[in-house]
């Protein structure tokens, strides 16, 4: 009886472990590249993702390169939500959350879903 209870408990723990967000230490291949939008507000802005870095380009304000700590992917009704956790040079951790639709290769910030960011071609 104890053995059966242990097996059931183990099965429940394994099932629950699969319910959380997927996590990796590097940026997934589909997201690697330079992302731009046609929205006038962000005319001089870009986001560049590599395996281990995230860069925010802000026109005359310059580019801010940061180290990626981890990337999570969570299923949501509007599509998968990615969160890139990154650190600034002082070690402060930040996060950048967005939805990515692989069907049309569009990235949309979690807090600005109406603005579409497309991968730039070089």
C-alpha atoms as a PDB file:
ATOM      1  CA  UNK A   1       0.000   0.000   0.000  1.00  0.00           C
ATOM      2  CA  UNK A   2       2.839   2.411   0.857  1.00  0.00           C
ATOM      3  CA  UNK A   3       4.506   1.611  -2.448  1.00  0.00           C
ATOM      4  CA  UNK A   4       1.344   2.396  -4.402  1.00  0.00           C
ATOM      5  CA  UNK A   5       0.914   5.710  -2.560  1.00  0.00           C
ATOM      6  CA  UNK A   6       4.542   6.583  -3.313  1.00  0.00           C
ATOM      7  CA  UNK A   7       4.068   5.820  -7.010  1.00  0.00           C
ATOM      8  CA  UNK A   8       0.921   7.957  -7.142  1.00  0.00           C
ATOM      9  CA  UNK A   9       2.643  10.820  -5.311  1.00  0.00           C
ATOM     10  CA  UNK A  10       5.577  10.651  -7.722  1.00  0.00           C
ATOM     11  CA  UNK A  11       3.229  10.691 -10.729  1.00  0.00           C
ATOM     12  CA  UNK A  12       1.424  13.759  -9.364  1.00  0.00           C
ATOM     13  CA  UNK A  13       4.717  15.587  -8.756  1.00  0.00           C
ATOM     14  CA  UNK A  14       5.929  14.823 -12.275  1.00  0.00           C
ATOM     15  CA  UNK A  15       2.642  16.032 -13.756  1.00  0.00           C
ATOM     16  CA  UNK A  16       2.788  19.271 -11.763  1.00  0.00           C
ATOM     17  CA  UNK A  17       6.389  19.859 -12.782  1.00  0.00           C
ATOM     18  CA  UNK A  18       5.237  20.025 -16.404  1.00  0.00           C
ATOM     19  CA  UNK A  19       2.584  22.679 -15.688  1.00  0.00           C
ATOM     20  CA  UNK A  20       4.909  25.634 -15.153  1.00  0.00           C
ATOM     21  CA  UNK A  21       6.579  27.789 -17.761  1.00  0.00           C
ATOM     22  CA  UNK A  22       9.271  26.333 -19.979  1.00  0.00           C
ATOM     23  CA  UNK A  23      12.642  27.843 -19.135  1.00  0.00           C
ATOM     24  CA  UNK A  24      16.015  28.038 -20.857  1.00  0.00           C
ATOM     25  CA  UNK A  25      19.211  30.028 -20.344  1.00  0.00           C
ATOM     26  CA  UNK A  26      19.420  31.129 -23.974  1.00  0.00           C
ATOM     27  CA  UNK A  27      17.121  32.807 -26.484  1.00  0.00           C
ATOM     28  CA  UNK A  28      15.281  30.335 -28.788  1.00  0.00           C
ATOM     29  CA  UNK A  29      16.365  30.315 -32.451  1.00  0.00           C
ATOM     30  CA  UNK A  30      13.020  31.692 -33.742  1.00  0.00           C
ATOM     31  CA  UNK A  31      13.498  34.860 -31.707  1.00  0.00           C
ATOM     32  CA  UNK A  32      17.103  35.593 -32.664  1.00  0.00           C
ATOM     33  CA  UNK A  33      17.455  38.655 -34.879  1.00  0.00           C
ATOM     34  CA  UNK A  34      16.759  42.367 -35.103  1.00  0.00           C
ATOM     35  CA  UNK A  35      13.137  43.387 -34.555  1.00  0.00           C
ATOM     36  CA  UNK A  36      11.648  46.650 -35.856  1.00  0.00           C
ATOM     37  CA  UNK A  37       8.204  48.199 -36.124  1.00  0.00           C
ATOM     38  CA  UNK A  38       6.585  50.634 -38.531  1.00  0.00           C
ATOM     39  CA  UNK A  39       4.890  52.452 -35.627  1.00  0.00           C
ATOM     40  CA  UNK A  40       5.987  56.123 -35.849  1.00  0.00           C
ATOM     41  CA  UNK A  41       6.546  56.287 -32.082  1.00  0.00           C
ATOM     42  CA  UNK A  42       9.355  53.723 -32.459  1.00  0.00           C
ATOM     43  CA  UNK A  43      10.839  54.888 -35.786  1.00  0.00           C
ATOM     44  CA  UNK A  44      14.448  54.852 -34.532  1.00  0.00           C
ATOM     45  CA  UNK A  45      14.018  51.902 -32.196  1.00  0.00           C
ATOM     46  CA  UNK A  46      14.997  48.255 -32.509  1.00  0.00           C
ATOM     47  CA  UNK A  47      15.358  45.193 -30.333  1.00  0.00           C
ATOM     48  CA  UNK A  48      18.122  42.720 -31.105  1.00  0.00           C
ATOM     49  CA  UNK A  49      18.155  39.248 -29.611  1.00  0.00           C
ATOM     50  CA  UNK A  50      21.128  36.894 -29.775  1.00  0.00           C
ATOM     51  CA  UNK A  51      21.572  33.602 -27.931  1.00  0.00           C
ATOM     52  CA  UNK A  52      22.908  35.358 -24.832  1.00  0.00           C
ATOM     53  CA  UNK A  53      22.158  39.090 -25.183  1.00  0.00           C
ATOM     54  CA  UNK A  54      19.337  41.549 -25.682  1.00  0.00           C
ATOM     55  CA  UNK A  55      19.978  45.021 -27.104  1.00  0.00           C
ATOM     56  CA  UNK A  56      17.607  47.965 -27.126  1.00  0.00           C
ATOM     57  CA  UNK A  57      18.388  50.529 -29.816  1.00  0.00           C
ATOM     58  CA  UNK A  58      16.958  53.966 -29.103  1.00  0.00           C
ATOM     59  CA  UNK A  59      18.094  56.215 -31.951  1.00  0.00           C
ATOM     60  CA  UNK A  60      20.189  59.143 -30.703  1.00  0.00           C
ATOM     61  CA  UNK A  61      20.089  57.730 -27.164  1.00  0.00           C
ATOM     62  CA  UNK A  62      22.257  54.841 -28.312  1.00  0.00           C
ATOM     63  CA  UNK A  63      22.074  51.096 -27.880  1.00  0.00           C
ATOM     64  CA  UNK A  64      21.869  49.341 -24.544  1.00  0.00           C
ATOM     65  CA  UNK A  65      23.313  45.807 -24.586  1.00  0.00           C
ATOM     66  CA  UNK A  66      22.359  43.478 -21.734  1.00  0.00           C
ATOM     67  CA  UNK A  67      23.155  39.864 -20.766  1.00  0.00           C
ATOM     68  CA  UNK A  68      20.309  37.339 -20.871  1.00  0.00           C
ATOM     69  CA  UNK A  69      19.865  35.403 -17.618  1.00  0.00           C
ATOM     70  CA  UNK A  70      17.004  33.148 -18.731  1.00  0.00           C
ATOM     71  CA  UNK A  71      14.004  32.969 -21.033  1.00  0.00           C
ATOM     72  CA  UNK A  72      10.619  31.545 -20.073  1.00  0.00           C
ATOM     73  CA  UNK A  73       7.707  30.554 -22.293  1.00  0.00           C
ATOM     74  CA  UNK A  74       4.189  30.267 -20.889  1.00  0.00           C
ATOM     75  CA  UNK A  75       1.049  29.230 -22.762  1.00  0.00           C
ATOM     76  CA  UNK A  76      -1.645  31.923 -22.716  1.00  0.00           C
ATOM     77  CA  UNK A  77      -4.931  32.442 -24.539  1.00  0.00           C
ATOM     78  CA  UNK A  78      -3.349  35.008 -26.882  1.00  0.00           C
ATOM     79  CA  UNK A  79      -0.425  32.734 -27.750  1.00  0.00           C
ATOM     80  CA  UNK A  80       2.832  31.889 -26.010  1.00  0.00           C
ATOM     81  CA  UNK A  81       4.165  34.565 -23.677  1.00  0.00           C
ATOM     82  CA  UNK A  82       7.953  34.838 -23.629  1.00  0.00           C
ATOM     83  CA  UNK A  83       9.801  36.642 -20.858  1.00  0.00           C
ATOM     84  CA  UNK A  84      13.475  37.485 -21.287  1.00  0.00           C
ATOM     85  CA  UNK A  85      15.202  38.084 -17.953  1.00  0.00           C
ATOM     86  CA  UNK A  86      18.368  40.160 -18.329  1.00  0.00           C
ATOM     87  CA  UNK A  87      20.917  42.094 -16.266  1.00  0.00           C
ATOM     88  CA  UNK A  88      22.393  45.530 -16.678  1.00  0.00           C
ATOM     89  CA  UNK A  89      26.132  46.169 -16.125  1.00  0.00           C
ATOM     90  CA  UNK A  90      25.500  46.834 -12.412  1.00  0.00           C
ATOM     91  CA  UNK A  91      23.829  43.430 -11.987  1.00  0.00           C
ATOM     92  CA  UNK A  92      20.241  44.690 -11.642  1.00  0.00           C
ATOM     93  CA  UNK A  93      17.801  42.173 -13.159  1.00  0.00           C
ATOM     94  CA  UNK A  94      14.973  43.225 -15.481  1.00  0.00           C
ATOM     95  CA  UNK A  95      12.457  41.437 -17.666  1.00  0.00           C
ATOM     96  CA  UNK A  96      10.995  41.991 -21.108  1.00  0.00           C
ATOM     97  CA  UNK A  97       7.723  40.165 -21.826  1.00  0.00           C
ATOM     98  CA  UNK A  98       6.228  39.678 -25.274  1.00  0.00           C
ATOM     99  CA  UNK A  99       4.042  37.414 -27.382  1.00  0.00           C
ATOM    100  CA  UNK A 100       5.495  35.764 -30.463  1.00  0.00           C
ATOM    101  CA  UNK A 101       3.353  34.361 -33.261  1.00  0.00           C
ATOM    102  CA  UNK A 102       5.431  31.965 -35.373  1.00  0.00           C
ATOM    103  CA  UNK A 103       2.718  31.843 -38.065  1.00  0.00           C
ATOM    104  CA  UNK A 104       3.454  35.405 -39.183  1.00  0.00           C
ATOM    105  CA  UNK A 105       6.750  35.991 -37.307  1.00  0.00           C
ATOM    106  CA  UNK A 106       5.358  38.896 -35.312  1.00  0.00           C
ATOM    107  CA  UNK A 107       6.480  39.918 -31.852  1.00  0.00           C
ATOM    108  CA  UNK A 108       4.138  42.005 -29.673  1.00  0.00           C
ATOM    109  CA  UNK A 109       5.073  43.484 -26.314  1.00  0.00           C
ATOM    110  CA  UNK A 110       2.876  42.276 -23.482  1.00  0.00           C
ATOM    111  CA  UNK A 111       2.026  45.861 -22.508  1.00  0.00           C
ATOM    112  CA  UNK A 112       1.539  47.091 -26.129  1.00  0.00           C
ATOM    113  CA  UNK A 113      -0.199  44.297 -28.017  1.00  0.00           C
ATOM    114  CA  UNK A 114      -1.405  46.557 -30.840  1.00  0.00           C
ATOM    115  CA  UNK A 115       2.124  47.281 -32.102  1.00  0.00           C
ATOM    116  CA  UNK A 116       3.653  44.592 -34.315  1.00  0.00           C
ATOM    117  CA  UNK A 117       7.420  44.088 -34.409  1.00  0.00           C
ATOM    118  CA  UNK A 118       8.832  42.246 -37.431  1.00  0.00           C
ATOM    119  CA  UNK A 119      12.198  40.626 -37.863  1.00  0.00           C
ATOM    120  CA  UNK A 120      14.354  42.879 -40.038  1.00  0.00           C
ATOM    121  CA  UNK A 121      16.033  41.436 -43.105  1.00  0.00           C
ATOM    122  CA  UNK A 122      19.671  42.182 -43.631  1.00  0.00           C
END
